Amino acid sequence: MSSLSDYIDRYPTVHIEREDGVLTLRLHKDGGPFLWDERTHHDLGELFEYINGDYENRVVVLTGTGDAYCAAVDTEDFMRQATVDGPNYMVRLYRDGVRMLRNFVGLEIPVIAAINGPVVTHSELPLLADVVLVSETAEFRDEAHMVQGIPPTDGMQIVWSNLIGINRARHFLMTGRTIKAEEALELGVAAEVLPSEELVPRALDLARQWAKLPLWSLQNTRAALNQPWRRAFAEDLHSGLAYEYMSMFAAMSAR
């Protein structure tokens, strides 16, 4: 069991608040648009464990800050941590990656993603939400993998292949191309496209409706509709992460 006080102020890049059972997670970097860094890669898996153990949570809303959901990748932060951890770094990075995605897919209450702008890495995470809402300014591309010589196999390949088909996913992941909001809607990546000012209010309105339902109903609905993702991650996540981190280790060793 956990309570909100255990985790509300624990994570420097996640602003957390809860009202009437709706837990809002807003990613940020020093109060501005979020940059994907090593600390967050480590923290999110633990945070999702806390959320699952807190029965006051009934619905999760995941969003970003300002005009971007994830504005950039802080590659230097990952390199700094590699220097600190030494030979154990790849082991920890691998474990953190598995824990983050497994625990997100393993959340037992519904999740709504409110994608408030561009997503340049780890777009698989918000796209695993039960309902994906995007602003008119949202767009998806992958700046962290193939364009930097790293296989896009940390869950990106699983989510994008299932959402848009294998050939489209390969083109997206291997070329670094951008998918804008309206195309995301047409491809089935997003459920709704909204003006920026309406995005989070729409997510919260939907979340409040769900939060009034019995907890057993929310949990069983989540379990039933989320089972294909759990199955896909059980089959393919470990091998995919191994491909990625072997390549990262080779790249770092060549420096």
Foldseek 3Di string as FASTA:
>chain_A
DAACVVPCPPAPQWHWDDDLQEIETEGADVQAWHAAAPSCLQPQLVVLVRLLVHVSHAEYEYEYHDQFRHDYYPVVRLVVVCVVVPPCSLVSSLVSLLSNVLSLLVRQFAYEYQGRAEDADPPLRNLLGPAYEYEQRYKYFHPDAQVVPFDPQSRQQLRQCVQQNNVVSCCRHNVRDMDGDVNCCVSRSHVYYHHNVCRVVVVVVVVSVSSVDDSVVRRVVSCVVSVVVNVSCVPRNSVSSVRRSVRVVVVVVVD
